[in-house]
C-alpha atoms as a PDB file:
ATOM      1  CA  MET A   1     -12.537 -16.055   0.931  1.00  0.00           C
ATOM      2  CA  LYS A   2     -14.912 -15.766  -2.020  1.00  0.00           C
ATOM      3  CA  GLU A   3     -17.068 -18.542  -0.598  1.00  0.00           C
ATOM      4  CA  LEU A   4     -17.740 -16.584   2.592  1.00  0.00           C
ATOM      5  CA  ILE A   5     -19.133 -13.707   0.541  1.00  0.00           C
ATOM      6  CA  GLU A   6     -21.050 -15.821  -1.976  1.00  0.00           C
ATOM      7  CA  LYS A   7     -22.819 -17.737   0.800  1.00  0.00           C
ATOM      8  CA  ASN A   8     -23.674 -14.495   2.630  1.00  0.00           C
ATOM      9  CA  GLU A   9     -21.768 -15.611   5.720  1.00  0.00           C
ATOM     10  CA  VAL A  10     -20.227 -12.145   6.000  1.00  0.00           C
ATOM     11  CA  ALA A  11     -21.384  -8.681   5.014  1.00  0.00           C
ATOM     12  CA  ALA A  12     -17.934  -7.966   3.583  1.00  0.00           C
ATOM     13  CA  LEU A  13     -14.430  -9.380   3.697  1.00  0.00           C
ATOM     14  CA  LEU A  14     -11.415  -7.235   4.509  1.00  0.00           C
ATOM     15  CA  ALA A  15      -8.457  -8.325   2.406  1.00  0.00           C
ATOM     16  CA  TYR A  16      -6.271  -6.846  -0.331  1.00  0.00           C
ATOM     17  CA  LYS A  17      -6.835  -5.552  -3.826  1.00  0.00           C
ATOM     18  CA  ASP A  18      -4.331  -5.116  -6.642  1.00  0.00           C
ATOM     19  CA  ILE A  19      -4.722  -1.646  -8.142  1.00  0.00           C
ATOM     20  CA  ASN A  20      -2.313  -1.052 -11.019  1.00  0.00           C
ATOM     21  CA  GLY A  21       0.296  -3.330  -9.490  1.00  0.00           C
ATOM     22  CA  THR A  22       0.050  -1.951  -5.949  1.00  0.00           C
ATOM     23  CA  ILE A  23      -1.698  -3.821  -3.144  1.00  0.00           C
ATOM     24  CA  TYR A  24      -4.231  -1.919  -1.018  1.00  0.00           C
ATOM     25  CA  PRO A  25      -6.595  -3.028   1.771  1.00  0.00           C
ATOM     26  CA  HIS A  26     -10.199  -3.250   0.651  1.00  0.00           C
ATOM     27  CA  ALA A  27     -13.638  -4.325   1.912  1.00  0.00           C
ATOM     28  CA  PHE A  28     -14.876  -6.868  -0.643  1.00  0.00           C
ATOM     29  CA  THR A  29     -18.544  -7.573  -1.361  1.00  0.00           C
ATOM     30  CA  LYS A  30     -20.306  -9.623  -4.035  1.00  0.00           C
ATOM     31  CA  GLU A  31     -19.783  -6.825  -6.546  1.00  0.00           C
ATOM     32  CA  ASP A  32     -15.983  -7.099  -6.607  1.00  0.00           C
ATOM     33  CA  ILE A  33     -14.961 -10.484  -5.190  1.00  0.00           C
ATOM     34  CA  SER A  34     -13.245 -11.372  -8.453  1.00  0.00           C
ATOM     35  CA  THR A  35     -10.581  -8.758  -7.700  1.00  0.00           C
ATOM     36  CA  ILE A  36      -9.392 -10.236  -4.393  1.00  0.00           C
ATOM     37  CA  ALA A  37      -5.599 -10.415  -4.521  1.00  0.00           C
ATOM     38  CA  PRO A  38      -4.030 -13.834  -3.838  1.00  0.00           C
ATOM     39  CA  TRP A  39      -2.273 -13.817  -0.472  1.00  0.00           C
ATOM     40  CA  LYS A  40       1.183 -14.341  -1.980  1.00  0.00           C
ATOM     41  CA  VAL A  41       1.090 -11.329  -4.291  1.00  0.00           C
ATOM     42  CA  SER A  42       2.579  -8.899  -1.813  1.00  0.00           C
ATOM     43  CA  ASP A  43       4.156  -8.361   1.587  1.00  0.00           C
ATOM     44  CA  ALA A  44       2.441  -4.968   1.820  1.00  0.00           C
ATOM     45  CA  ARG A  45       1.381  -4.138   5.375  1.00  0.00           C
ATOM     46  CA  TYR A  46      -1.495  -1.954   6.494  1.00  0.00           C
ATOM     47  CA  PRO A  47      -3.402  -1.455   9.781  1.00  0.00           C
ATOM     48  CA  ILE A  48      -6.255  -3.617   8.514  1.00  0.00           C
ATOM     49  CA  LEU A  49      -7.553  -4.054  12.078  1.00  0.00           C
ATOM     50  CA  LYS A  50      -8.264  -0.314  12.084  1.00  0.00           C
ATOM     51  CA  MET A  51     -10.608  -0.932   9.164  1.00  0.00           C
ATOM     52  CA  LEU A  52     -12.293  -3.804  10.985  1.00  0.00           C
ATOM     53  CA  LEU A  53     -12.782  -1.721  14.119  1.00  0.00           C
ATOM     54  CA  ALA A  54     -14.258   1.127  12.076  1.00  0.00           C
ATOM     55  CA  VAL A  55     -16.755  -1.004  10.136  1.00  0.00           C
ATOM     56  CA  THR A  56     -17.866  -3.012  13.172  1.00  0.00           C
ATOM     57  CA  ARG A  57     -18.459   0.172  15.158  1.00  0.00           C
ATOM     58  CA  ALA A  58     -20.448   1.629  12.271  1.00  0.00           C
ATOM     59  CA  ASN A  59     -22.402  -1.614  11.649  1.00  0.00           C
ATOM     60  CA  PRO A  60     -22.702  -3.463  14.988  1.00  0.00           C
ATOM     61  CA  GLY A  61     -25.198  -6.018  13.693  1.00  0.00           C
ATOM     62  CA  LYS A  62     -23.125  -7.217  10.744  1.00  0.00           C
ATOM     63  CA  ARG A  63     -20.546 -10.015  10.530  1.00  0.00           C
ATOM     64  CA  TYR A  64     -17.242  -9.482   8.746  1.00  0.00           C
ATOM     65  CA  GLY A  65     -14.453 -11.675   7.452  1.00  0.00           C
ATOM     66  CA  ILE A  66     -10.851 -10.577   7.640  1.00  0.00           C
ATOM     67  CA  LEU A  67      -7.530 -11.820   6.276  1.00  0.00           C
ATOM     68  CA  LEU A  68      -4.991 -11.621   9.093  1.00  0.00           C
ATOM     69  CA  ARG A  69      -1.288 -12.207   9.658  1.00  0.00           C
ATOM     70  CA  GLY A  70       0.156 -13.458  12.932  1.00  0.00           C
ATOM     71  CA  CYS A  71       0.620 -10.052  14.565  1.00  0.00           C
ATOM     72  CA  GLU A  72      -2.833  -8.973  13.403  1.00  0.00           C
ATOM     73  CA  GLU A  73      -4.401 -12.075  14.925  1.00  0.00           C
ATOM     74  CA  ARG A  74      -2.799 -11.127  18.246  1.00  0.00           C
ATOM     75  CA  GLY A  75      -4.217  -7.641  17.838  1.00  0.00           C
ATOM     76  CA  LEU A  76      -7.727  -8.968  17.242  1.00  0.00           C
ATOM     77  CA  ARG A  77      -7.522 -10.998  20.429  1.00  0.00           C
ATOM     78  CA  GLU A  78      -6.566  -7.910  22.396  1.00  0.00           C
ATOM     79  CA  LEU A  79      -9.445  -5.928  20.885  1.00  0.00           C
ATOM     80  CA  VAL A  80     -11.803  -8.724  21.924  1.00  0.00           C
ATOM     81  CA  LYS A  81     -10.387  -8.771  25.458  1.00  0.00           C
ATOM     82  CA  TRP A  82     -10.870  -5.009  25.672  1.00  0.00           C
ATOM     83  CA  GLU A  83     -14.483  -5.371  24.485  1.00  0.00           C
ATOM     84  CA  GLN A  84     -13.912  -3.385  21.320  1.00  0.00           C
ATOM     85  CA  ILE A  85     -14.963  -6.153  18.919  1.00  0.00           C
ATOM     86  CA  ASP A  86     -17.585  -8.893  19.291  1.00  0.00           C
ATOM     87  CA  PRO A  87     -15.796 -12.148  18.336  1.00  0.00           C
ATOM     88  CA  ASP A  88     -19.100 -13.692  17.189  1.00  0.00           C
ATOM     89  CA  MET A  89     -19.217 -11.077  14.430  1.00  0.00           C
ATOM     90  CA  VAL A  90     -15.781 -11.825  12.957  1.00  0.00           C
ATOM     91  CA  VAL A  91     -14.514 -14.685  10.785  1.00  0.00           C
ATOM     92  CA  VAL A  92     -10.726 -14.946  10.754  1.00  0.00           C
ATOM     93  CA  ILE A  93      -8.802 -16.226   7.746  1.00  0.00           C
ATOM     94  CA  GLY A  94      -5.103 -16.508   8.421  1.00  0.00           C
ATOM     95  CA  GLN A  95      -2.221 -15.920   6.035  1.00  0.00           C
ATOM     96  CA  ALA A  96       1.415 -16.706   6.726  1.00  0.00           C
ATOM     97  CA  CYS A  97       4.104 -14.116   6.185  1.00  0.00           C
ATOM     98  CA  SER A  98       6.999 -14.867   3.863  1.00  0.00           C
ATOM     99  CA  LYS A  99      10.404 -15.670   5.296  1.00  0.00           C
ATOM    100  CA  GLU A 100      11.689 -12.364   3.900  1.00  0.00           C
ATOM    101  CA  LEU A 101       8.976 -10.364   5.663  1.00  0.00           C
ATOM    102  CA  ALA A 102       9.538 -12.274   8.907  1.00  0.00           C
ATOM    103  CA  ILE A 103      13.228 -11.354   8.809  1.00  0.00           C
ATOM    104  CA  LYS A 104      12.477  -7.737   7.915  1.00  0.00           C
ATOM    105  CA  CYS A 105       9.991  -7.436  10.788  1.00  0.00           C
ATOM    106  CA  VAL A 106      12.159  -9.445  13.225  1.00  0.00           C
ATOM    107  CA  CYS A 107       8.978 -11.393  13.980  1.00  0.00           C
ATOM    108  CA  ALA A 108       9.028 -14.250  16.488  1.00  0.00           C
ATOM    109  CA  LYS A 109       5.769 -15.761  15.151  1.00  0.00           C
ATOM    110  CA  PRO A 110       5.139 -14.752  11.528  1.00  0.00           C
ATOM    111  CA  TYR A 111       1.941 -16.778  11.092  1.00  0.00           C
ATOM    112  CA  PRO A 112      -1.487 -16.924  12.752  1.00  0.00           C
ATOM    113  CA  ASP A 113      -2.984 -19.924  14.528  1.00  0.00           C
ATOM    114  CA  ALA A 114      -5.982 -19.742  12.173  1.00  0.00           C
ATOM    115  CA  LEU A 115      -3.701 -20.440   9.194  1.00  0.00           C
ATOM    116  CA  ARG A 116      -5.393 -21.017   5.838  1.00  0.00           C
ATOM    117  CA  TYR A 117      -3.003 -19.571   3.253  1.00  0.00           C
ATOM    118  CA  GLY A 118       0.729 -20.077   3.000  1.00  0.00           C
ATOM    119  CA  GLU A 119       3.205 -22.060   5.086  1.00  0.00           C
ATOM    120  CA  ALA A 120       4.322 -21.220   8.594  1.00  0.00           C
ATOM    121  CA  VAL A 121       7.974 -20.167   8.512  1.00  0.00           C
ATOM    122  CA  GLU A 122      10.334 -20.080  11.458  1.00  0.00           C
ATOM    123  CA  GLY A 123      10.329 -16.861  13.408  1.00  0.00           C
ATOM    124  CA  VAL A 124      13.277 -14.661  14.322  1.00  0.00           C
ATOM    125  CA  LYS A 125      14.187 -15.366  17.939  1.00  0.00           C
ATOM    126  CA  GLN A 126      16.770 -12.667  18.631  1.00  0.00           C
ATOM    127  CA  ASN A 127      16.301  -8.943  18.211  1.00  0.00           C
ATOM    128  CA  LYS A 128      19.760  -7.521  17.538  1.00  0.00           C
ATOM    129  CA  ALA A 129      18.763  -3.907  18.208  1.00  0.00           C
ATOM    130  CA  LEU A 130      17.277  -4.769  21.587  1.00  0.00           C
ATOM    131  CA  THR A 131      20.278  -6.910  22.536  1.00  0.00           C
ATOM    132  CA  GLU A 132      22.692  -4.068  21.779  1.00  0.00           C
ATOM    133  CA  LEU A 133      20.564  -1.625  23.757  1.00  0.00           C
ATOM    134  CA  ARG A 134      20.542  -3.858  26.814  1.00  0.00           C
ATOM    135  CA  GLU A 135      24.324  -4.086  26.744  1.00  0.00           C
ATOM    136  CA  LYS A 136      24.523  -0.369  27.560  1.00  0.00           C
ATOM    137  CA  ASP A 137      24.637   0.664  31.215  1.00  0.00           C
ATOM    138  CA  ARG A 138      21.700   2.545  32.713  1.00  0.00           C
ATOM    139  CA  GLY A 139      23.157   6.004  32.140  1.00  0.00           C
ATOM    140  CA  GLU A 140      23.996   5.245  28.517  1.00  0.00           C
ATOM    141  CA  ARG A 141      20.492   3.912  27.895  1.00  0.00           C
ATOM    142  CA  LEU A 142      18.913   7.022  29.387  1.00  0.00           C
ATOM    143  CA  SER A 143      21.032   9.336  27.229  1.00  0.00           C
ATOM    144  CA  TRP A 144      20.334   7.201  24.171  1.00  0.00           C
ATOM    145  CA  TRP A 145      16.564   7.239  24.675  1.00  0.00           C
ATOM    146  CA  LEU A 146      16.515  10.985  25.305  1.00  0.00           C
ATOM    147  CA  SER A 147      18.360  11.526  22.036  1.00  0.00           C
ATOM    148  CA  GLN A 148      15.741   9.396  20.253  1.00  0.00           C
ATOM    149  CA  PHE A 149      12.744  11.138  21.828  1.00  0.00           C
ATOM    150  CA  ASN A 150      14.288  14.502  21.004  1.00  0.00           C
ATOM    151  CA  ARG A 151      13.538  13.872  17.317  1.00  0.00           C
ATOM    152  CA  CYS A 152       9.811  13.388  17.878  1.00  0.00           C
ATOM    153  CA  LEU A 153       7.584  15.681  15.790  1.00  0.00           C
ATOM    154  CA  LYS A 154       4.391  14.798  17.648  1.00  0.00           C
ATOM    155  CA  CYS A 155       2.767  13.836  14.371  1.00  0.00           C
ATOM    156  CA  TYR A 156       0.708  11.141  16.154  1.00  0.00           C
ATOM    157  CA  GLY A 157       1.552   8.681  13.381  1.00  0.00           C
ATOM    158  CA  CYS A 158       2.460   5.949  15.883  1.00  0.00           C
ATOM    159  CA  ARG A 159      -0.930   6.250  17.549  1.00  0.00           C
ATOM    160  CA  ASP A 160      -2.931   6.560  14.348  1.00  0.00           C
ATOM    161  CA  VAL A 161      -1.435   3.454  12.722  1.00  0.00           C
ATOM    162  CA  CYS A 162      -1.492   1.259  15.852  1.00  0.00           C
ATOM    163  CA  PRO A 163      -3.964  -1.675  15.520  1.00  0.00           C
ATOM    164  CA  VAL A 164      -4.701  -1.705  19.260  1.00  0.00           C
ATOM    165  CA  CYS A 165      -5.074   2.055  19.811  1.00  0.00           C
ATOM    166  CA  PHE A 166      -8.847   2.192  20.085  1.00  0.00           C
ATOM    167  CA  CYS A 167      -9.615   4.926  22.635  1.00  0.00           C
ATOM    168  CA  THR A 168     -12.047   7.617  21.525  1.00  0.00           C
ATOM    169  CA  ASP A 169     -10.553   9.951  24.162  1.00  0.00           C
ATOM    170  CA  CYS A 170      -6.779   9.705  23.683  1.00  0.00           C
ATOM    171  CA  SER A 171      -4.520  10.201  26.703  1.00  0.00           C
ATOM    172  CA  LEU A 172      -1.918  11.773  24.396  1.00  0.00           C
ATOM    173  CA  GLU A 173      -4.270  14.690  23.867  1.00  0.00           C
ATOM    174  CA  HIS A 174      -5.274  15.028  27.504  1.00  0.00           C
ATOM    175  CA  LYS A 175      -4.238  18.418  28.872  1.00  0.00           C
ATOM    176  CA  ASN A 176      -3.705  17.052  32.392  1.00  0.00           C
ATOM    177  CA  LEU A 177      -1.229  14.427  31.180  1.00  0.00           C
ATOM    178  CA  LEU A 178       0.628  16.216  28.410  1.00  0.00           C
ATOM    179  CA  VAL A 179       1.370  19.838  27.677  1.00  0.00           C
ATOM    180  CA  GLN A 180      -0.086  20.359  24.224  1.00  0.00           C
ATOM    181  CA  GLY A 181       1.806  22.021  21.385  1.00  0.00           C
ATOM    182  CA  ILE A 182       5.299  21.585  22.870  1.00  0.00           C
ATOM    183  CA  LEU A 183       7.915  19.845  20.755  1.00  0.00           C
ATOM    184  CA  PRO A 184      11.110  18.205  22.110  1.00  0.00           C
ATOM    185  CA  PRO A 185      12.886  18.124  24.498  1.00  0.00           C
ATOM    186  CA  ASP A 186       9.536  17.233  26.151  1.00  0.00           C
ATOM    187  CA  THR A 187       9.658  13.412  26.514  1.00  0.00           C
ATOM    188  CA  SER A 188       6.307  12.770  28.167  1.00  0.00           C
ATOM    189  CA  PHE A 189       4.580  11.889  24.879  1.00  0.00           C
ATOM    190  CA  HIS A 190       6.356   8.574  24.387  1.00  0.00           C
ATOM    191  CA  LEU A 191       6.558   7.714  28.072  1.00  0.00           C
ATOM    192  CA  VAL A 192       2.789   8.140  28.489  1.00  0.00           C
ATOM    193  CA  ARG A 193       2.141   6.093  25.363  1.00  0.00           C
ATOM    194  CA  ALA A 194       4.562   3.347  26.451  1.00  0.00           C
ATOM    195  CA  VAL A 195       2.690   2.929  29.724  1.00  0.00           C
ATOM    196  CA  HIS A 196      -0.609   2.898  27.855  1.00  0.00           C
ATOM    197  CA  MET A 197       0.669   0.153  25.520  1.00  0.00           C
ATOM    198  CA  ALA A 198       1.681  -2.133  28.385  1.00  0.00           C
ATOM    199  CA  GLY A 199       0.090  -5.513  27.787  1.00  0.00           C
ATOM    200  CA  ARG A 200      -1.482  -4.263  24.556  1.00  0.00           C
ATOM    201  CA  CYS A 201       1.387  -3.908  22.063  1.00  0.00           C
ATOM    202  CA  ILE A 202       1.343  -6.828  19.596  1.00  0.00           C
ATOM    203  CA  ASP A 203       4.823  -6.056  18.227  1.00  0.00           C
ATOM    204  CA  CYS A 204       3.650  -5.529  14.656  1.00  0.00           C
ATOM    205  CA  GLY A 205       6.189  -2.737  14.131  1.00  0.00           C
ATOM    206  CA  LEU A 206       3.841  -0.452  12.193  1.00  0.00           C
ATOM    207  CA  CYS A 207       4.534   2.433  14.576  1.00  0.00           C
ATOM    208  CA  GLU A 208       8.274   2.287  13.969  1.00  0.00           C
ATOM    209  CA  GLU A 209       7.750   1.797  10.235  1.00  0.00           C
ATOM    210  CA  THR A 210       5.494   4.863  10.110  1.00  0.00           C
ATOM    211  CA  CYS A 211       7.578   7.177  12.303  1.00  0.00           C
ATOM    212  CA  PRO A 212       9.145   9.940  10.139  1.00  0.00           C
ATOM    213  CA  ALA A 213      11.809  10.516  12.809  1.00  0.00           C
ATOM    214  CA  ARG A 214      12.808   6.832  12.809  1.00  0.00           C
ATOM    215  CA  ILE A 215      12.469   6.469  16.581  1.00  0.00           C
ATOM    216  CA  PRO A 216      12.976   2.778  17.548  1.00  0.00           C
ATOM    217  CA  LEU A 217       9.569   2.439  19.156  1.00  0.00           C
ATOM    218  CA  ARG A 218       9.445  -1.363  19.002  1.00  0.00           C
ATOM    219  CA  SER A 219      12.389  -1.621  21.371  1.00  0.00           C
ATOM    220  CA  LEU A 220      10.571   0.624  23.855  1.00  0.00           C
ATOM    221  CA  TYR A 221       7.338  -1.381  23.741  1.00  0.00           C
ATOM    222  CA  LYS A 222       9.181  -4.702  23.845  1.00  0.00           C
ATOM    223  CA  GLU A 223      10.777  -3.649  27.110  1.00  0.00           C
ATOM    224  CA  VAL A 224       7.398  -2.615  28.531  1.00  0.00           C
ATOM    225  CA  ASN A 225       5.771  -5.889  27.466  1.00  0.00           C
ATOM    226  CA  GLU A 226       8.578  -7.906  29.036  1.00  0.00           C
ATOM    227  CA  ILE A 227       7.936  -6.146  32.338  1.00  0.00           C
ATOM    228  CA  VAL A 228       4.255  -7.108  32.024  1.00  0.00           C
ATOM    229  CA  ASN A 229       5.308 -10.694  31.356  1.00  0.00           C
ATOM    230  CA  ASP A 230       7.660 -10.750  34.338  1.00  0.00           C
ATOM    231  CA  VAL A 231       5.081  -9.288  36.731  1.00  0.00           C
ATOM    232  CA  PHE A 232       1.848 -10.862  35.462  1.00  0.00           C
ATOM    233  CA  SER A 233       3.090 -13.829  33.335  1.00  0.00           C
ATOM    234  CA  TYR A 234       1.079 -12.438  30.439  1.00  0.00           C
ATOM    235  CA  ASP A 235       1.960 -12.582  26.743  1.00  0.00           C
ATOM    236  CA  THR A 236       0.107 -10.006  24.667  1.00  0.00           C
ATOM    237  CA  GLY A 237      -2.235 -11.548  22.133  1.00  0.00           C
ATOM    238  CA  SER A 238      -2.263 -14.980  23.768  1.00  0.00           C
ATOM    239  CA  LEU A 239      -5.371 -17.099  23.375  1.00  0.00           C
ATOM    240  CA  ASP A 240      -5.188 -19.011  26.642  1.00  0.00           C
ATOM    241  CA  THR A 241      -4.629 -16.249  29.204  1.00  0.00           C
ATOM    242  CA  LYS A 242      -6.677 -13.165  29.980  1.00  0.00           C
ATOM    243  CA  SER A 243      -5.177  -9.705  30.119  1.00  0.00           C
ATOM    244  CA  PRO A 244      -4.320  -8.427  33.610  1.00  0.00           C
ATOM    245  CA  PHE A 245      -5.671  -5.054  32.473  1.00  0.00           C
ATOM    246  CA  SER A 246      -9.053  -6.289  31.224  1.00  0.00           C
ATOM    247  CA  MET A 247     -12.048  -7.586  33.155  1.00  0.00           C
ATOM    248  CA  LEU A 248     -12.986 -10.152  30.496  1.00  0.00           C
ATOM    249  CA  GLY A 249     -12.346 -13.815  31.221  1.00  0.00           C
ATOM    250  CA  ASP A 250     -10.964 -16.522  28.923  1.00  0.00           C
ATOM    251  CA  GLU A 251     -14.468 -17.428  27.727  1.00  0.00           C
ATOM    252  CA  ALA A 252     -14.572 -14.184  25.701  1.00  0.00           C
ATOM    253  CA  LEU A 253     -12.145 -15.716  23.212  1.00  0.00           C
ATOM    254  CA  LEU A 254     -14.092 -18.949  22.612  1.00  0.00           C
ATOM    255  CA  PRO A 255     -15.695 -17.708  19.351  1.00  0.00           C
ATOM    256  CA  LEU A 256     -12.226 -17.021  17.947  1.00  0.00           C
ATOM    257  CA  GLN A 257     -11.167 -20.570  18.836  1.00  0.00           C
ATOM    258  CA  ALA A 258     -14.229 -21.882  16.980  1.00  0.00           C
ATOM    259  CA  ASN A 259     -13.477 -19.963  13.774  1.00  0.00           C
ATOM    260  CA  PRO A 260     -12.006 -22.111  10.954  1.00  0.00           C
END
């Protein structure tokens, strides 16, 4: 990571910094590369792709390096497919998640393909919460979901933390789609967002982790993504198939394949 900065291969490198024992995301330059935190210091999670999207939009001619986990790598691929990030302007350095974090996140693939740091651990294949939900009949599921949505505060935390929410004009604030200022029992907020996340959710779980009402959002988006897979045979974040919702072809991802 330090070599990329020292050789001027990137304008900055997005990784993590230890500040008084707490890990924070940070854009490193030559002035502070000595403070880059080793990958195994922490399992702290942040929407680091949000940082990348912000700096690349602000500085379109500059190249950036970024330290990514498995889910974040999937997110970067989706941002490339949606023409939000130029893959030629990004250098990916992959870090594996610990076994403990993989279990906590119920992650099926807790490591990136561009793995440089750490060892790939086995993913968690079965999601207990989703299995239990599917065992309910249709009426029970409907009642259960309505009870979950009824707790929503409309804080927009799920949208704001999402690595693949990139729209500058958000459908959740569109007056023709949602009645603004109304709290539950209005359920349209999460239903509109679920449709919008179809084929885009990378299953990082940050939305559910952020939600103050503890709504099980991952289960909702998992169901939506499985429908996309059934209908279009598309796995979100895949490197070898294009998104059915994007006009870009497979060749758009070639620079990411070429990255070390």
